[in-house]
Amino acid sequence: MWGTRSEEMNLKKILFYQIRGDKRKQLKKVCGDLAIEMVVVSPAEYGEPVGALAGFPGMRKQGRGCAGAGVTGEMLVFVGMNDEALDEFLDTCKAEAISPTVCKAILTPHNAGWSGEKLYAELVKEHQAMQG
C-alpha cells in the first residue's frame, strides 16, 4: 500500500483542513513552487479515512461524511514527503511569514485509516499535553 521510496517521493501532497482565505492562497503558492499537490478537504469529508483522501491504492472513502463539526481548527496532513521535503515546506512558510498551523501530521500506516476528525482530536490532545 505504501509503495517504494521513489514512488512516495513522487506523491508529495498536503491535505488541507480548515485552511481558508489569504493563508490558503499563500500555501497554494508555496505548494506550487515546491511541486506539492494541495488537496483541500471539504467539511463533508472530515469523517473519511485520511489515507483514502490522500489517494492511496486499496483505500476508499467509506461514506462517513459529516457536518465537519469534529475539525474545528486548521490541520495539515503531509503525504509522501521525506524529511528534506517537509523541512523545505516549513522553512519556506516561515520565510514567507505564513502563520503557523498548530495541528500537523505525517500520514503513516498507523493513522491512514483514521478519519480527519479522529486525527485532529489526537493532535489537539498531544498539543494540550505539550502545553502542560
N, C-alpha and C. Protein backbone atom coordinates (compact mmCIF):
# COMPACT_ATOMS: atom_id res chain seq x y z
N MET A 1 0.81 -1.19 0.00
CA MET A 1 0.00 0.00 0.00
C MET A 1 0.86 1.26 0.00
N TRP A 2 2.02 1.21 0.58
CA TRP A 2 2.82 2.41 0.72
C TRP A 2 3.84 2.58 -0.39
N GLY A 3 4.02 1.59 -1.24
CA GLY A 3 4.89 1.74 -2.40
C GLY A 3 6.36 1.82 -2.03
N THR A 4 7.15 2.02 -3.06
CA THR A 4 8.59 2.13 -2.86
C THR A 4 8.93 3.57 -2.49
N ARG A 5 10.14 3.74 -2.03
CA ARG A 5 10.59 5.08 -1.65
C ARG A 5 10.50 6.05 -2.82
N SER A 6 10.88 5.64 -4.02
CA SER A 6 10.82 6.55 -5.16
C SER A 6 9.38 6.91 -5.52
N GLU A 7 8.45 5.95 -5.36
CA GLU A 7 7.05 6.26 -5.63
C GLU A 7 6.53 7.27 -4.62
N GLU A 8 6.89 7.09 -3.36
CA GLU A 8 6.42 8.00 -2.33
C GLU A 8 6.92 9.42 -2.59
N MET A 9 8.13 9.56 -3.10
CA MET A 9 8.68 10.88 -3.34
C MET A 9 7.90 11.60 -4.44
N ASN A 10 7.31 10.87 -5.37
CA ASN A 10 6.53 11.48 -6.43
C ASN A 10 5.10 11.79 -5.99
N LEU A 11 4.72 11.37 -4.80
CA LEU A 11 3.37 11.55 -4.29
C LEU A 11 3.25 12.70 -3.32
N LYS A 12 4.10 13.69 -3.40
CA LYS A 12 4.08 14.76 -2.40
C LYS A 12 2.74 15.50 -2.45
N LYS A 13 2.03 15.41 -1.33
CA LYS A 13 0.72 16.05 -1.20
C LYS A 13 0.59 16.59 0.21
N ILE A 14 -0.30 17.55 0.34
CA ILE A 14 -0.69 18.01 1.68
C ILE A 14 -2.21 18.11 1.68
N LEU A 15 -2.83 17.45 2.67
CA LEU A 15 -4.27 17.58 2.86
C LEU A 15 -4.51 18.81 3.72
N PHE A 16 -5.39 19.68 3.26
CA PHE A 16 -5.70 20.93 3.96
C PHE A 16 -7.08 20.83 4.60
N TYR A 17 -7.12 20.97 5.91
CA TYR A 17 -8.37 21.02 6.66
C TYR A 17 -8.50 22.41 7.27
N GLN A 18 -9.61 23.06 7.03
CA GLN A 18 -9.94 24.35 7.64
C GLN A 18 -8.93 25.45 7.33
N ILE A 19 -8.23 25.36 6.22
CA ILE A 19 -7.29 26.41 5.82
C ILE A 19 -8.05 27.28 4.82
N ARG A 20 -8.19 28.55 5.14
CA ARG A 20 -9.04 29.43 4.33
C ARG A 20 -8.37 30.76 4.01
N GLY A 21 -9.03 31.52 3.15
CA GLY A 21 -8.66 32.90 2.88
C GLY A 21 -7.25 33.09 2.38
N ASP A 22 -6.62 34.17 2.88
CA ASP A 22 -5.28 34.53 2.43
C ASP A 22 -4.26 33.44 2.74
N LYS A 23 -4.42 32.79 3.88
CA LYS A 23 -3.47 31.73 4.24
C LYS A 23 -3.52 30.61 3.21
N ARG A 24 -4.72 30.23 2.75
CA ARG A 24 -4.84 29.19 1.73
C ARG A 24 -4.14 29.64 0.45
N LYS A 25 -4.32 30.90 0.07
CA LYS A 25 -3.67 31.42 -1.15
C LYS A 25 -2.15 31.37 -1.02
N GLN A 26 -1.65 31.78 0.16
CA GLN A 26 -0.21 31.76 0.39
C GLN A 26 0.34 30.33 0.32
N LEU A 27 -0.36 29.39 0.97
CA LEU A 27 0.09 28.00 0.97
C LEU A 27 -0.03 27.37 -0.41
N LYS A 28 -1.03 27.77 -1.17
CA LYS A 28 -1.18 27.28 -2.55
C LYS A 28 0.04 27.68 -3.38
N LYS A 29 0.52 28.91 -3.19
CA LYS A 29 1.70 29.36 -3.92
C LYS A 29 2.93 28.55 -3.51
N VAL A 30 3.11 28.36 -2.20
CA VAL A 30 4.25 27.58 -1.71
C VAL A 30 4.20 26.16 -2.28
N CYS A 31 3.02 25.53 -2.24
CA CYS A 31 2.88 24.17 -2.78
C CYS A 31 3.22 24.15 -4.27
N GLY A 32 2.75 25.13 -5.01
CA GLY A 32 3.05 25.19 -6.44
C GLY A 32 4.54 25.34 -6.70
N ASP A 33 5.19 26.22 -5.94
CA ASP A 33 6.63 26.44 -6.10
C ASP A 33 7.44 25.19 -5.77
N LEU A 34 6.94 24.37 -4.83
CA LEU A 34 7.69 23.19 -4.38
C LEU A 34 7.18 21.88 -5.01
N ALA A 35 6.29 21.99 -5.98
CA ALA A 35 5.73 20.81 -6.68
C ALA A 35 5.06 19.84 -5.70
N ILE A 36 4.23 20.40 -4.83
CA ILE A 36 3.46 19.62 -3.87
C ILE A 36 1.99 19.79 -4.24
N GLU A 37 1.28 18.67 -4.34
CA GLU A 37 -0.15 18.74 -4.64
C GLU A 37 -0.91 19.18 -3.39
N MET A 38 -1.79 20.14 -3.58
CA MET A 38 -2.61 20.65 -2.48
C MET A 38 -3.99 20.02 -2.59
N VAL A 39 -4.42 19.32 -1.55
CA VAL A 39 -5.73 18.67 -1.54
C VAL A 39 -6.57 19.34 -0.45
N VAL A 40 -7.57 20.12 -0.88
CA VAL A 40 -8.44 20.79 0.07
C VAL A 40 -9.56 19.81 0.45
N VAL A 41 -9.65 19.50 1.73
CA VAL A 41 -10.65 18.56 2.22
C VAL A 41 -11.88 19.36 2.66
N SER A 42 -13.02 19.00 2.11
CA SER A 42 -14.26 19.70 2.46
C SER A 42 -14.80 19.17 3.79
N PRO A 43 -15.57 19.99 4.51
CA PRO A 43 -16.15 19.54 5.78
C PRO A 43 -16.95 18.24 5.64
N ALA A 44 -17.57 18.02 4.49
CA ALA A 44 -18.34 16.79 4.29
C ALA A 44 -17.44 15.55 4.26
N GLU A 45 -16.13 15.75 4.08
CA GLU A 45 -15.18 14.62 4.00
C GLU A 45 -14.40 14.41 5.30
N TYR A 46 -14.66 15.17 6.33
CA TYR A 46 -13.88 15.07 7.56
C TYR A 46 -14.02 13.71 8.24
N GLY A 47 -15.08 12.97 7.95
CA GLY A 47 -15.27 11.65 8.54
C GLY A 47 -14.61 10.54 7.75
N GLU A 48 -14.02 10.87 6.61
CA GLU A 48 -13.38 9.88 5.75
C GLU A 48 -11.95 9.56 6.20
N PRO A 49 -11.47 8.34 5.90
CA PRO A 49 -10.08 8.00 6.24
C PRO A 49 -9.09 8.91 5.50
N VAL A 50 -8.11 9.41 6.23
CA VAL A 50 -7.14 10.31 5.61
C VAL A 50 -6.38 9.63 4.48
N GLY A 51 -6.12 8.33 4.61
CA GLY A 51 -5.43 7.60 3.54
C GLY A 51 -6.23 7.57 2.26
N ALA A 52 -7.54 7.44 2.36
CA ALA A 52 -8.40 7.45 1.17
C ALA A 52 -8.39 8.82 0.52
N LEU A 53 -8.43 9.86 1.32
CA LEU A 53 -8.40 11.22 0.78
C LEU A 53 -7.06 11.52 0.13
N ALA A 54 -6.00 10.86 0.62
CA ALA A 54 -4.67 11.04 0.04
C ALA A 54 -4.51 10.26 -1.26
N GLY A 55 -5.46 9.35 -1.54
CA GLY A 55 -5.43 8.60 -2.80
C GLY A 55 -4.58 7.35 -2.77
N PHE A 56 -4.37 6.78 -1.59
CA PHE A 56 -3.57 5.57 -1.53
C PHE A 56 -4.33 4.39 -2.11
N PRO A 57 -3.63 3.57 -2.91
CA PRO A 57 -4.27 2.39 -3.50
C PRO A 57 -4.82 1.46 -2.43
N GLY A 58 -5.99 0.92 -2.69
CA GLY A 58 -6.60 -0.01 -1.75
C GLY A 58 -7.40 0.67 -0.66
N MET A 59 -7.31 1.97 -0.55
CA MET A 59 -8.10 2.69 0.46
C MET A 59 -9.19 3.47 -0.26
N ARG A 60 -10.40 3.32 0.26
CA ARG A 60 -11.54 4.00 -0.36
C ARG A 60 -12.29 4.80 0.68
N LYS A 61 -12.98 5.80 0.18
CA LYS A 61 -13.86 6.55 1.07
C LYS A 61 -14.92 5.60 1.58
N GLN A 62 -15.34 5.81 2.81
CA GLN A 62 -16.27 4.91 3.47
C GLN A 62 -17.69 5.46 3.52
N GLY A 63 -17.90 6.63 2.94
CA GLY A 63 -19.22 7.23 3.01
C GLY A 63 -19.54 7.73 4.40
N ARG A 64 -18.48 8.02 5.17
CA ARG A 64 -18.66 8.50 6.54
C ARG A 64 -18.61 10.02 6.57
N GLY A 65 -19.40 10.62 5.73
CA GLY A 65 -19.46 12.07 5.70
C GLY A 65 -19.97 12.61 7.02
N CYS A 66 -19.78 13.88 7.23
CA CYS A 66 -20.24 14.51 8.45
C CYS A 66 -20.44 15.98 8.19
N ALA A 67 -20.90 16.68 9.17
CA ALA A 67 -21.13 18.12 9.03
C ALA A 67 -19.85 18.92 9.27
N GLY A 68 -18.75 18.25 9.58
CA GLY A 68 -17.49 18.94 9.78
C GLY A 68 -17.27 19.48 11.18
N ALA A 69 -18.13 19.14 12.10
CA ALA A 69 -18.03 19.68 13.45
C ALA A 69 -16.81 19.16 14.20
N GLY A 70 -16.25 18.02 13.78
CA GLY A 70 -15.14 17.42 14.51
C GLY A 70 -13.78 18.01 14.23
N VAL A 71 -13.65 18.83 13.20
CA VAL A 71 -12.39 19.50 12.90
C VAL A 71 -12.68 20.99 12.99
N THR A 72 -12.34 21.57 14.13
CA THR A 72 -12.72 22.95 14.38
C THR A 72 -11.59 23.94 14.13
N GLY A 73 -10.39 23.43 13.87
CA GLY A 73 -9.26 24.31 13.60
C GLY A 73 -8.47 23.81 12.41
N GLU A 74 -7.44 24.54 12.08
CA GLU A 74 -6.61 24.20 10.93
C GLU A 74 -5.82 22.92 11.19
N MET A 75 -5.63 22.14 10.10
CA MET A 75 -4.81 20.93 10.18
C MET A 75 -4.20 20.68 8.81
N LEU A 76 -2.92 20.30 8.82
CA LEU A 76 -2.22 19.89 7.61
C LEU A 76 -1.78 18.44 7.78
N VAL A 77 -2.00 17.63 6.74
CA VAL A 77 -1.55 16.24 6.76
C VAL A 77 -0.59 16.06 5.58
N PHE A 78 0.66 15.74 5.89
CA PHE A 78 1.71 15.60 4.88
C PHE A 78 1.74 14.17 4.36
N VAL A 79 1.77 14.05 3.05
CA VAL A 79 1.72 12.74 2.39
C VAL A 79 2.92 12.58 1.46
N GLY A 80 3.67 11.48 1.63
CA GLY A 80 4.76 11.16 0.71
C GLY A 80 5.90 12.15 0.74
N MET A 81 6.07 12.85 1.84
CA MET A 81 7.14 13.84 1.94
C MET A 81 8.22 13.34 2.89
N ASN A 82 9.45 13.27 2.39
CA ASN A 82 10.55 12.88 3.26
C ASN A 82 10.95 14.07 4.14
N ASP A 83 11.90 13.87 5.02
CA ASP A 83 12.31 14.93 5.95
C ASP A 83 12.76 16.18 5.22
N GLU A 84 13.50 16.00 4.14
CA GLU A 84 14.02 17.14 3.38
C GLU A 84 12.87 17.96 2.78
N ALA A 85 11.90 17.30 2.17
CA ALA A 85 10.76 18.00 1.57
C ALA A 85 9.92 18.69 2.64
N LEU A 86 9.74 18.03 3.76
CA LEU A 86 8.96 18.61 4.86
C LEU A 86 9.66 19.86 5.40
N ASP A 87 10.98 19.75 5.63
CA ASP A 87 11.74 20.90 6.12
C ASP A 87 11.70 22.05 5.12
N GLU A 88 11.81 21.73 3.84
CA GLU A 88 11.77 22.77 2.80
C GLU A 88 10.42 23.50 2.82
N PHE A 89 9.33 22.74 2.96
CA PHE A 89 8.00 23.35 3.02
C PHE A 89 7.88 24.26 4.24
N LEU A 90 8.25 23.74 5.41
CA LEU A 90 8.11 24.51 6.65
C LEU A 90 9.02 25.73 6.65
N ASP A 91 10.24 25.59 6.15
CA ASP A 91 11.17 26.72 6.08
C ASP A 91 10.64 27.79 5.12
N THR A 92 10.07 27.37 4.00
CA THR A 92 9.51 28.32 3.04
C THR A 92 8.33 29.07 3.65
N CYS A 93 7.48 28.36 4.37
CA CYS A 93 6.35 29.01 5.04
C CYS A 93 6.84 30.06 6.04
N LYS A 94 7.89 29.70 6.78
CA LYS A 94 8.44 30.64 7.76
C LYS A 94 9.03 31.86 7.05
N ALA A 95 9.77 31.64 5.97
CA ALA A 95 10.38 32.74 5.22
C ALA A 95 9.32 33.65 4.61
N GLU A 96 8.18 33.09 4.24
CA GLU A 96 7.08 33.86 3.66
C GLU A 96 6.17 34.47 4.73
N ALA A 97 6.52 34.27 6.00
CA ALA A 97 5.76 34.80 7.14
C ALA A 97 4.31 34.33 7.15
N ILE A 98 4.11 33.06 6.78
CA ILE A 98 2.77 32.46 6.83
C ILE A 98 2.53 31.98 8.26
N SER A 99 1.40 32.35 8.82
CA SER A 99 1.14 31.99 10.21
C SER A 99 1.17 30.46 10.37
N PRO A 100 1.81 29.99 11.44
CA PRO A 100 1.94 28.55 11.63
C PRO A 100 0.61 27.85 11.86
N THR A 101 0.56 26.60 11.47
CA THR A 101 -0.58 25.74 11.73
C THR A 101 -0.16 24.79 12.85
N VAL A 102 -0.89 24.80 13.95
CA VAL A 102 -0.51 24.02 15.13
C VAL A 102 -0.67 22.53 14.87
N CYS A 103 -1.79 22.12 14.28
CA CYS A 103 -2.06 20.69 14.09
C CYS A 103 -1.52 20.23 12.74
N LYS A 104 -0.40 19.49 12.83
CA LYS A 104 0.25 18.94 11.63
C LYS A 104 0.54 17.47 11.89
N ALA A 105 0.41 16.66 10.84
CA ALA A 105 0.71 15.23 10.97
C ALA A 105 1.30 14.72 9.68
N ILE A 106 2.06 13.66 9.79
CA ILE A 106 2.56 12.93 8.62
C ILE A 106 1.70 11.68 8.49
N LEU A 107 1.21 11.44 7.29
CA LEU A 107 0.39 10.24 7.06
C LEU A 107 1.27 9.00 7.19
N THR A 108 0.83 8.07 8.02
CA THR A 108 1.57 6.83 8.28
C THR A 108 0.61 5.65 8.14
N PRO A 109 1.16 4.43 8.06
CA PRO A 109 0.27 3.27 8.06
C PRO A 109 -0.60 3.21 9.31
N HIS A 110 -0.10 3.74 10.42
CA HIS A 110 -0.85 3.72 11.68
C HIS A 110 -2.09 4.62 11.63
N ASN A 111 -1.96 5.81 11.02
CA ASN A 111 -3.08 6.75 11.05
C ASN A 111 -3.86 6.85 9.73
N ALA A 112 -3.45 6.10 8.72
CA ALA A 112 -4.11 6.21 7.40
C ALA A 112 -5.59 5.85 7.44
N GLY A 113 -5.98 4.96 8.32
CA GLY A 113 -7.38 4.56 8.41
C GLY A 113 -8.22 5.45 9.31
N TRP A 114 -7.57 6.41 9.97
CA TRP A 114 -8.29 7.31 10.86
C TRP A 114 -9.05 8.35 10.05
N SER A 115 -10.15 8.79 10.57
CA SER A 115 -10.86 9.91 9.95
C SER A 115 -10.09 11.20 10.27
N GLY A 116 -10.36 12.21 9.48
CA GLY A 116 -9.77 13.52 9.77
C GLY A 116 -10.16 13.99 11.16
N GLU A 117 -11.39 13.70 11.56
CA GLU A 117 -11.86 14.09 12.89
C GLU A 117 -11.04 13.42 14.00
N LYS A 118 -10.77 12.12 13.84
CA LYS A 118 -10.00 11.40 14.86
C LYS A 118 -8.57 11.92 14.91
N LEU A 119 -7.97 12.11 13.74
CA LEU A 119 -6.60 12.61 13.69
C LEU A 119 -6.51 13.99 14.33
N TYR A 120 -7.45 14.85 14.02
CA TYR A 120 -7.46 16.19 14.60
C TYR A 120 -7.58 16.11 16.13
N ALA A 121 -8.49 15.27 16.62
CA ALA A 121 -8.66 15.13 18.07
C ALA A 121 -7.37 14.66 18.74
N GLU A 122 -6.67 13.72 18.11
CA GLU A 122 -5.40 13.23 18.67
C GLU A 122 -4.34 14.33 18.69
N LEU A 123 -4.28 15.11 17.62
CA LEU A 123 -3.30 16.20 17.56
C LEU A 123 -3.59 17.27 18.60
N VAL A 124 -4.85 17.58 18.80
CA VAL A 124 -5.23 18.56 19.81
C VAL A 124 -4.83 18.06 21.20
N LYS A 125 -5.08 16.76 21.48
CA LYS A 125 -4.70 16.17 22.76
C LYS A 125 -3.19 16.26 22.97
N GLU A 126 -2.42 15.92 21.94
CA GLU A 126 -0.95 15.98 22.03
C GLU A 126 -0.49 17.41 22.29
N HIS A 127 -1.08 18.35 21.57
CA HIS A 127 -0.69 19.75 21.73
C HIS A 127 -0.99 20.23 23.15
N GLN A 128 -2.16 19.88 23.66
CA GLN A 128 -2.53 20.28 25.02
C GLN A 128 -1.59 19.65 26.05
N ALA A 129 -1.21 18.40 25.84
CA ALA A 129 -0.29 17.73 26.77
C ALA A 129 1.08 18.42 26.76
N MET A 130 1.53 18.84 25.58
CA MET A 130 2.84 19.51 25.49
C MET A 130 2.79 20.90 26.10
N GLN A 131 1.63 21.52 26.09
CA GLN A 131 1.49 22.86 26.68
C GLN A 131 1.40 22.82 28.20
N GLY A 132 1.17 21.60 28.74
CA GLY A 132 1.14 21.43 30.19
C GLY A 132 -0.22 21.73 30.76
